[in-house]
Amino acid sequence: MRTEDTAPALPKSFLRPCLLLLLREQPAHGYELLERLRPLGFAGDDPGGLYRTLRALERDGLVHSAWEPSQSGPNRRIY
């Protein structure tokens, strides 16, 4: 059942282009990308899928990442 504030589910095939678009707008870490994908319909029930896709994008040379120190908690990988 959908409520007015939820978007329809994002097909998995759209994850890759959506990530590229969001990263073109600004660099981000995985959790931030999950939050930015929610309004587009990515449920976030498989965060591992997001990280696998990010690693594949990096392996394919489409994005790069670097470790960034965090003010609270462990360092974060920024894409």
C-alpha atoms as a PDB file:
ATOM      1  CA  MET A   1       0.000   0.000   0.000  1.00  0.00           C
ATOM      2  CA  ARG A   2       1.379   3.365  -1.034  1.00  0.00           C
ATOM      3  CA  THR A   3       1.016   6.543   0.942  1.00  0.00           C
ATOM      4  CA  GLU A   4       1.287   9.985  -0.591  1.00  0.00           C
ATOM      5  CA  ASP A   5       4.842  10.528   0.666  1.00  0.00           C
ATOM      6  CA  THR A   6       6.325   7.354  -0.845  1.00  0.00           C
ATOM      7  CA  ALA A   7       7.465   7.046  -4.420  1.00  0.00           C
ATOM      8  CA  PRO A   8       6.974   3.915  -6.482  1.00  0.00           C
ATOM      9  CA  ALA A   9       9.824   1.425  -6.181  1.00  0.00           C
ATOM     10  CA  LEU A  10      12.847   2.215  -8.316  1.00  0.00           C
ATOM     11  CA  PRO A  11      13.695  -0.631 -10.714  1.00  0.00           C
ATOM     12  CA  LYS A  12      17.123  -2.080  -9.916  1.00  0.00           C
ATOM     13  CA  SER A  13      18.256  -1.268 -13.459  1.00  0.00           C
ATOM     14  CA  PHE A  14      17.840   2.444 -12.630  1.00  0.00           C
ATOM     15  CA  LEU A  15      20.175   2.363  -9.628  1.00  0.00           C
ATOM     16  CA  ARG A  16      23.371   2.745 -11.649  1.00  0.00           C
ATOM     17  CA  PRO A  17      22.265   5.815 -13.683  1.00  0.00           C
ATOM     18  CA  CYS A  18      20.662   7.392 -10.600  1.00  0.00           C
ATOM     19  CA  LEU A  19      23.919   7.032  -8.653  1.00  0.00           C
ATOM     20  CA  LEU A  20      25.887   8.585 -11.506  1.00  0.00           C
ATOM     21  CA  LEU A  21      23.462  11.504 -11.622  1.00  0.00           C
ATOM     22  CA  LEU A  22      23.568  12.077  -7.853  1.00  0.00           C
ATOM     23  CA  LEU A  23      27.368  11.880  -7.795  1.00  0.00           C
ATOM     24  CA  ARG A  24      27.566  14.322 -10.708  1.00  0.00           C
ATOM     25  CA  GLU A  25      25.643  16.801  -8.548  1.00  0.00           C
ATOM     26  CA  GLN A  26      27.978  16.382  -5.558  1.00  0.00           C
ATOM     27  CA  PRO A  27      30.324  13.847  -3.951  1.00  0.00           C
ATOM     28  CA  ALA A  28      28.713  11.729  -1.248  1.00  0.00           C
ATOM     29  CA  HIS A  29      29.221   8.715   1.000  1.00  0.00           C
ATOM     30  CA  GLY A  30      27.043   5.607   0.848  1.00  0.00           C
ATOM     31  CA  TYR A  31      24.575   6.474   3.607  1.00  0.00           C
ATOM     32  CA  GLU A  32      24.022   9.942   2.151  1.00  0.00           C
ATOM     33  CA  LEU A  33      23.367   8.394  -1.256  1.00  0.00           C
ATOM     34  CA  LEU A  34      20.819   6.034   0.308  1.00  0.00           C
ATOM     35  CA  GLU A  35      18.996   9.024   1.791  1.00  0.00           C
ATOM     36  CA  ARG A  36      19.081  10.921  -1.512  1.00  0.00           C
ATOM     37  CA  LEU A  37      17.772   7.870  -3.397  1.00  0.00           C
ATOM     38  CA  ARG A  38      14.700   7.411  -1.156  1.00  0.00           C
ATOM     39  CA  PRO A  39      12.646  10.198  -2.808  1.00  0.00           C
ATOM     40  CA  LEU A  40      13.434   8.578  -6.176  1.00  0.00           C
ATOM     41  CA  GLY A  41      11.864   5.301  -5.034  1.00  0.00           C
ATOM     42  CA  PHE A  42      14.895   3.304  -3.885  1.00  0.00           C
ATOM     43  CA  ALA A  43      13.582   1.529  -0.799  1.00  0.00           C
ATOM     44  CA  GLY A  44      16.993   0.970   0.752  1.00  0.00           C
ATOM     45  CA  ASP A  45      16.062  -2.532   1.883  1.00  0.00           C
ATOM     46  CA  ASP A  46      19.307  -3.806   0.300  1.00  0.00           C
ATOM     47  CA  PRO A  47      22.051  -1.307   1.186  1.00  0.00           C
ATOM     48  CA  GLY A  48      24.599  -3.947   0.205  1.00  0.00           C
ATOM     49  CA  GLY A  49      23.323  -3.642  -3.365  1.00  0.00           C
ATOM     50  CA  LEU A  50      24.110   0.062  -3.305  1.00  0.00           C
ATOM     51  CA  TYR A  51      27.681  -0.563  -2.165  1.00  0.00           C
ATOM     52  CA  ARG A  52      28.166  -3.365  -4.712  1.00  0.00           C
ATOM     53  CA  THR A  53      26.986  -0.998  -7.439  1.00  0.00           C
ATOM     54  CA  LEU A  54      29.324   1.756  -6.234  1.00  0.00           C
ATOM     55  CA  ARG A  55      32.270  -0.671  -6.287  1.00  0.00           C
ATOM     56  CA  ALA A  56      31.296  -1.788  -9.812  1.00  0.00           C
ATOM     57  CA  LEU A  57      31.102   1.835 -10.970  1.00  0.00           C
ATOM     58  CA  GLU A  58      34.550   2.439  -9.525  1.00  0.00           C
ATOM     59  CA  ARG A  59      35.934  -0.749 -11.095  1.00  0.00           C
ATOM     60  CA  ASP A  60      34.516   0.390 -14.466  1.00  0.00           C
ATOM     61  CA  GLY A  61      36.261   3.750 -14.095  1.00  0.00           C
ATOM     62  CA  LEU A  62      33.033   5.765 -13.874  1.00  0.00           C
ATOM     63  CA  VAL A  63      33.569   7.034 -10.318  1.00  0.00           C
ATOM     64  CA  HIS A  64      36.453   7.192  -7.891  1.00  0.00           C
ATOM     65  CA  SER A  65      36.507   7.160  -4.124  1.00  0.00           C
ATOM     66  CA  ALA A  66      38.669   8.405  -1.291  1.00  0.00           C
ATOM     67  CA  TRP A  67      38.596   7.926   2.463  1.00  0.00           C
ATOM     68  CA  GLU A  68      37.491  10.974   4.433  1.00  0.00           C
ATOM     69  CA  PRO A  69      37.953  11.388   8.191  1.00  0.00           C
ATOM     70  CA  SER A  70      34.713  11.542  10.151  1.00  0.00           C
ATOM     71  CA  GLN A  71      34.049  13.841  13.102  1.00  0.00           C
ATOM     72  CA  SER A  72      32.152  11.024  14.799  1.00  0.00           C
ATOM     73  CA  GLY A  73      32.708   7.367  14.072  1.00  0.00           C
ATOM     74  CA  PRO A  74      34.859   5.608  11.494  1.00  0.00           C
ATOM     75  CA  ASN A  75      36.250   7.175   8.335  1.00  0.00           C
ATOM     76  CA  ARG A  76      33.900   7.263   5.350  1.00  0.00           C
ATOM     77  CA  ARG A  77      34.475   6.467   1.720  1.00  0.00           C
ATOM     78  CA  ILE A  78      33.420   9.424  -0.413  1.00  0.00           C
ATOM     79  CA  TYR A  79      32.524   8.842  -4.061  1.00  0.00           C
END
